């Protein structure tokens, strides 16, 4: 287990004007996928997200890192995968950066199209969009793709406030 300190009782440190950042550089290894998911879940837990949202965040991080491993870095061990977690007053923002050629969302096949329904891959972006409140892809600098996704605190905030009323 990773030693991650809580971000404060009832999320007060998350309310500061400056976002809190955690950056992690991962090897392009299959084992990095599970590690990234665990890191995402632990940070989401420390930030006060409920179990359902922690699961969604973990799965979105997992899918983002799988894509960086498989398609971005093409399983090239020399390339790295960078994760950045930002806790802002309103949401948790996650960046997954690879060192590949990059891609455009418009070029990604729709996994719900009839011709793609039986394919074994191609659902990662669909799942990240479904699990997170915000999703975008940008060109990373100097190369690669940067997947940016965010989960709002709405459930965590209301649950925290509710538990303090009791």
C-alpha atoms as a PDB file:
ATOM      1  CA  UNK A   1       0.000   0.000   0.000  1.00  0.00           C
ATOM      2  CA  UNK A   2       1.159   3.508  -0.760  1.00  0.00           C
ATOM      3  CA  UNK A   3       1.495   5.944   2.145  1.00  0.00           C
ATOM      4  CA  UNK A   4      -0.826   8.763   1.054  1.00  0.00           C
ATOM      5  CA  UNK A   5      -1.756  11.347   3.637  1.00  0.00           C
ATOM      6  CA  UNK A   6      -5.349  12.602   3.818  1.00  0.00           C
ATOM      7  CA  UNK A   7      -5.976  16.040   2.349  1.00  0.00           C
ATOM      8  CA  UNK A   8      -7.723  17.288   5.456  1.00  0.00           C
ATOM      9  CA  UNK A   9     -10.857  16.649   7.426  1.00  0.00           C
ATOM     10  CA  UNK A  10     -13.997  17.327   5.376  1.00  0.00           C
ATOM     11  CA  UNK A  11     -11.823  18.427   2.449  1.00  0.00           C
ATOM     12  CA  UNK A  12     -10.823  21.853   3.767  1.00  0.00           C
ATOM     13  CA  UNK A  13      -7.306  21.708   2.318  1.00  0.00           C
ATOM     14  CA  UNK A  14      -8.815  20.998  -1.066  1.00  0.00           C
ATOM     15  CA  UNK A  15     -10.507  24.408  -0.791  1.00  0.00           C
ATOM     16  CA  UNK A  16      -7.259  26.365  -0.984  1.00  0.00           C
ATOM     17  CA  UNK A  17      -6.779  28.604  -4.003  1.00  0.00           C
ATOM     18  CA  UNK A  18      -3.763  26.628  -5.189  1.00  0.00           C
ATOM     19  CA  UNK A  19      -4.392  23.148  -6.543  1.00  0.00           C
ATOM     20  CA  UNK A  20      -2.525  20.332  -4.864  1.00  0.00           C
ATOM     21  CA  UNK A  21      -0.499  18.275  -7.357  1.00  0.00           C
ATOM     22  CA  UNK A  22       0.859  14.779  -7.265  1.00  0.00           C
ATOM     23  CA  UNK A  23       3.038  13.693 -10.175  1.00  0.00           C
ATOM     24  CA  UNK A  24       4.093  10.113 -10.878  1.00  0.00           C
ATOM     25  CA  UNK A  25       6.325   8.801 -13.662  1.00  0.00           C
ATOM     26  CA  UNK A  26       5.709   5.175 -14.578  1.00  0.00           C
ATOM     27  CA  UNK A  27       7.655   2.676 -16.623  1.00  0.00           C
ATOM     28  CA  UNK A  28       5.977   1.408 -19.783  1.00  0.00           C
ATOM     29  CA  UNK A  29       5.218  -1.977 -18.221  1.00  0.00           C
ATOM     30  CA  UNK A  30       1.965  -3.872 -17.856  1.00  0.00           C
ATOM     31  CA  UNK A  31       2.471  -3.782 -14.060  1.00  0.00           C
ATOM     32  CA  UNK A  32       2.250   0.028 -14.208  1.00  0.00           C
ATOM     33  CA  UNK A  33      -1.443  -0.233 -15.131  1.00  0.00           C
ATOM     34  CA  UNK A  34      -2.474  -1.741 -11.784  1.00  0.00           C
ATOM     35  CA  UNK A  35      -0.120   0.587  -9.903  1.00  0.00           C
ATOM     36  CA  UNK A  36      -1.636   3.648 -11.594  1.00  0.00           C
ATOM     37  CA  UNK A  37      -5.153   2.455 -10.754  1.00  0.00           C
ATOM     38  CA  UNK A  38      -4.183   1.944  -7.088  1.00  0.00           C
ATOM     39  CA  UNK A  39      -2.599   5.396  -6.910  1.00  0.00           C
ATOM     40  CA  UNK A  40      -5.722   6.969  -8.425  1.00  0.00           C
ATOM     41  CA  UNK A  41      -8.033   5.182  -5.995  1.00  0.00           C
ATOM     42  CA  UNK A  42      -5.896   6.108  -2.988  1.00  0.00           C
ATOM     43  CA  UNK A  43      -5.732   9.781  -3.969  1.00  0.00           C
ATOM     44  CA  UNK A  44      -9.503   9.814  -4.608  1.00  0.00           C
ATOM     45  CA  UNK A  45     -10.060   8.245  -1.174  1.00  0.00           C
ATOM     46  CA  UNK A  46      -7.816  10.810   0.514  1.00  0.00           C
ATOM     47  CA  UNK A  47      -9.716  13.563  -1.319  1.00  0.00           C
ATOM     48  CA  UNK A  48     -13.022  12.302   0.115  1.00  0.00           C
ATOM     49  CA  UNK A  49     -14.692  10.608  -2.858  1.00  0.00           C
ATOM     50  CA  UNK A  50     -17.221   7.909  -2.061  1.00  0.00           C
ATOM     51  CA  UNK A  51     -16.668   4.259  -2.991  1.00  0.00           C
ATOM     52  CA  UNK A  52     -18.592   4.508  -6.274  1.00  0.00           C
ATOM     53  CA  UNK A  53     -16.612   7.529  -7.479  1.00  0.00           C
ATOM     54  CA  UNK A  54     -13.318   5.965  -6.327  1.00  0.00           C
ATOM     55  CA  UNK A  55     -14.112   2.935  -8.482  1.00  0.00           C
ATOM     56  CA  UNK A  56     -14.900   5.149 -11.494  1.00  0.00           C
ATOM     57  CA  UNK A  57     -11.732   7.200 -11.031  1.00  0.00           C
ATOM     58  CA  UNK A  58      -9.627   4.056 -10.657  1.00  0.00           C
ATOM     59  CA  UNK A  59     -11.091   2.516 -13.810  1.00  0.00           C
ATOM     60  CA  UNK A  60     -10.634   5.734 -15.795  1.00  0.00           C
ATOM     61  CA  UNK A  61      -6.973   5.957 -14.714  1.00  0.00           C
ATOM     62  CA  UNK A  62      -6.534   2.272 -15.577  1.00  0.00           C
ATOM     63  CA  UNK A  63      -7.980   2.772 -19.065  1.00  0.00           C
ATOM     64  CA  UNK A  64      -5.884   5.889 -19.655  1.00  0.00           C
ATOM     65  CA  UNK A  65      -2.669   4.132 -18.663  1.00  0.00           C
ATOM     66  CA  UNK A  66      -3.545   1.001 -20.695  1.00  0.00           C
ATOM     67  CA  UNK A  67      -3.961   3.235 -23.745  1.00  0.00           C
ATOM     68  CA  UNK A  68      -0.674   5.041 -23.021  1.00  0.00           C
ATOM     69  CA  UNK A  69       1.080   1.671 -22.584  1.00  0.00           C
ATOM     70  CA  UNK A  70      -0.437  -0.057 -25.625  1.00  0.00           C
ATOM     71  CA  UNK A  71      -1.123   2.621 -28.216  1.00  0.00           C
ATOM     72  CA  UNK A  72       0.865   5.690 -27.158  1.00  0.00           C
ATOM     73  CA  UNK A  73       4.190   4.208 -26.110  1.00  0.00           C
ATOM     74  CA  UNK A  74       3.603   0.989 -28.084  1.00  0.00           C
ATOM     75  CA  UNK A  75       4.963  -1.022 -25.133  1.00  0.00           C
ATOM     76  CA  UNK A  76       8.376   0.617 -25.646  1.00  0.00           C
ATOM     77  CA  UNK A  77      10.265   0.286 -22.373  1.00  0.00           C
ATOM     78  CA  UNK A  78      12.380   3.420 -23.050  1.00  0.00           C
ATOM     79  CA  UNK A  79       9.278   5.602 -23.009  1.00  0.00           C
ATOM     80  CA  UNK A  80       7.565   6.792 -19.832  1.00  0.00           C
ATOM     81  CA  UNK A  81       3.973   7.353 -18.785  1.00  0.00           C
ATOM     82  CA  UNK A  82       3.377  10.424 -16.649  1.00  0.00           C
ATOM     83  CA  UNK A  83       0.400  10.833 -14.328  1.00  0.00           C
ATOM     84  CA  UNK A  84      -0.544  14.139 -12.769  1.00  0.00           C
ATOM     85  CA  UNK A  85      -3.316  14.420 -10.189  1.00  0.00           C
ATOM     86  CA  UNK A  86      -4.571  17.909  -9.329  1.00  0.00           C
ATOM     87  CA  UNK A  87      -6.986  18.596  -6.501  1.00  0.00           C
ATOM     88  CA  UNK A  88      -8.727  21.900  -7.103  1.00  0.00           C
ATOM     89  CA  UNK A  89     -11.536  23.428  -5.014  1.00  0.00           C
ATOM     90  CA  UNK A  90     -14.141  21.909  -7.375  1.00  0.00           C
ATOM     91  CA  UNK A  91     -12.729  18.700  -8.786  1.00  0.00           C
ATOM     92  CA  UNK A  92      -9.958  16.179  -9.156  1.00  0.00           C
ATOM     93  CA  UNK A  93      -8.184  16.539 -12.505  1.00  0.00           C
ATOM     94  CA  UNK A  94      -6.097  13.681 -13.882  1.00  0.00           C
ATOM     95  CA  UNK A  95      -3.578  13.937 -16.715  1.00  0.00           C
ATOM     96  CA  UNK A  96      -2.164  10.820 -18.410  1.00  0.00           C
ATOM     97  CA  UNK A  97       0.721  11.604 -20.746  1.00  0.00           C
ATOM     98  CA  UNK A  98       2.537   9.243 -23.064  1.00  0.00           C
ATOM     99  CA  UNK A  99       5.559   9.705 -25.342  1.00  0.00           C
ATOM    100  CA  UNK A 100       4.022   8.312 -28.511  1.00  0.00           C
ATOM    101  CA  UNK A 101       2.856   9.932 -31.735  1.00  0.00           C
ATOM    102  CA  UNK A 102      -0.376  11.349 -30.302  1.00  0.00           C
ATOM    103  CA  UNK A 103      -3.890  10.999 -31.692  1.00  0.00           C
ATOM    104  CA  UNK A 104      -7.088  12.884 -32.339  1.00  0.00           C
ATOM    105  CA  UNK A 105     -10.406  11.945 -30.744  1.00  0.00           C
ATOM    106  CA  UNK A 106     -12.056  12.300 -34.159  1.00  0.00           C
ATOM    107  CA  UNK A 107      -9.922   9.382 -35.417  1.00  0.00           C
ATOM    108  CA  UNK A 108     -11.095   6.983 -32.707  1.00  0.00           C
ATOM    109  CA  UNK A 109     -13.741   4.504 -33.859  1.00  0.00           C
ATOM    110  CA  UNK A 110     -17.108   4.537 -32.082  1.00  0.00           C
ATOM    111  CA  UNK A 111     -17.233   1.321 -30.005  1.00  0.00           C
ATOM    112  CA  UNK A 112     -21.038   1.360 -30.209  1.00  0.00           C
ATOM    113  CA  UNK A 113     -21.087   1.316 -34.015  1.00  0.00           C
ATOM    114  CA  UNK A 114     -22.378  -2.026 -35.283  1.00  0.00           C
ATOM    115  CA  UNK A 115     -19.112  -2.899 -37.030  1.00  0.00           C
ATOM    116  CA  UNK A 116     -17.175  -2.388 -33.762  1.00  0.00           C
ATOM    117  CA  UNK A 117     -19.458  -4.163 -31.277  1.00  0.00           C
ATOM    118  CA  UNK A 118     -17.612  -7.482 -31.422  1.00  0.00           C
ATOM    119  CA  UNK A 119     -14.080  -6.063 -31.383  1.00  0.00           C
ATOM    120  CA  UNK A 120     -11.965  -7.029 -28.368  1.00  0.00           C
ATOM    121  CA  UNK A 121     -10.564  -3.505 -27.900  1.00  0.00           C
ATOM    122  CA  UNK A 122     -11.544   0.086 -28.496  1.00  0.00           C
ATOM    123  CA  UNK A 123     -13.689   0.876 -25.455  1.00  0.00           C
ATOM    124  CA  UNK A 124     -11.170   2.679 -23.242  1.00  0.00           C
ATOM    125  CA  UNK A 125     -12.046   6.219 -24.295  1.00  0.00           C
ATOM    126  CA  UNK A 126     -15.752   5.383 -24.144  1.00  0.00           C
ATOM    127  CA  UNK A 127     -15.321   4.157 -20.554  1.00  0.00           C
ATOM    128  CA  UNK A 128     -13.214   7.145 -19.467  1.00  0.00           C
ATOM    129  CA  UNK A 129     -15.880   9.501 -20.828  1.00  0.00           C
ATOM    130  CA  UNK A 130     -18.614   7.521 -19.055  1.00  0.00           C
ATOM    131  CA  UNK A 131     -16.815   7.374 -15.684  1.00  0.00           C
ATOM    132  CA  UNK A 132     -15.588  10.979 -15.524  1.00  0.00           C
ATOM    133  CA  UNK A 133     -17.387  14.341 -15.629  1.00  0.00           C
ATOM    134  CA  UNK A 134     -14.921  15.898 -18.080  1.00  0.00           C
ATOM    135  CA  UNK A 135     -12.717  14.341 -20.748  1.00  0.00           C
ATOM    136  CA  UNK A 136     -10.368  15.735 -23.395  1.00  0.00           C
ATOM    137  CA  UNK A 137      -7.266  14.780 -25.355  1.00  0.00           C
ATOM    138  CA  UNK A 138      -4.504  17.207 -26.315  1.00  0.00           C
ATOM    139  CA  UNK A 139      -1.136  16.950 -27.974  1.00  0.00           C
ATOM    140  CA  UNK A 140       1.506  16.557 -25.266  1.00  0.00           C
ATOM    141  CA  UNK A 141       4.755  18.508 -25.376  1.00  0.00           C
ATOM    142  CA  UNK A 142       7.223  17.712 -26.874  1.00  0.00           C
ATOM    143  CA  UNK A 143       5.359  14.664 -28.262  1.00  0.00           C
ATOM    144  CA  UNK A 144       2.653  12.184 -27.436  1.00  0.00           C
ATOM    145  CA  UNK A 145      -0.882  12.502 -26.170  1.00  0.00           C
ATOM    146  CA  UNK A 146      -2.247  14.008 -22.976  1.00  0.00           C
ATOM    147  CA  UNK A 147      -5.554  12.619 -21.738  1.00  0.00           C
ATOM    148  CA  UNK A 148      -7.198  15.049 -19.323  1.00  0.00           C
ATOM    149  CA  UNK A 149     -10.163  13.966 -17.247  1.00  0.00           C
ATOM    150  CA  UNK A 150     -11.886  15.333 -14.178  1.00  0.00           C
ATOM    151  CA  UNK A 151     -14.316  14.195 -11.521  1.00  0.00           C
ATOM    152  CA  UNK A 152     -16.333  16.819  -9.647  1.00  0.00           C
ATOM    153  CA  UNK A 153     -16.521  16.665  -5.853  1.00  0.00           C
ATOM    154  CA  UNK A 154     -20.325  16.936  -5.734  1.00  0.00           C
ATOM    155  CA  UNK A 155     -20.894  13.490  -4.188  1.00  0.00           C
ATOM    156  CA  UNK A 156     -17.888  13.677  -1.874  1.00  0.00           C
ATOM    157  CA  UNK A 157     -18.821  17.160  -0.645  1.00  0.00           C
ATOM    158  CA  UNK A 158     -22.452  16.326   0.050  1.00  0.00           C
ATOM    159  CA  UNK A 159     -21.546  13.045   1.777  1.00  0.00           C
ATOM    160  CA  UNK A 160     -18.916  14.763   3.937  1.00  0.00           C
ATOM    161  CA  UNK A 161     -21.327  17.520   4.953  1.00  0.00           C
ATOM    162  CA  UNK A 162     -24.054  14.969   5.662  1.00  0.00           C
ATOM    163  CA  UNK A 163     -21.798  12.867   7.890  1.00  0.00           C
ATOM    164  CA  UNK A 164     -20.820  15.934   9.942  1.00  0.00           C
ATOM    165  CA  UNK A 165     -24.491  16.823  10.592  1.00  0.00           C
ATOM    166  CA  UNK A 166     -25.123  13.526  12.375  1.00  0.00           C
END
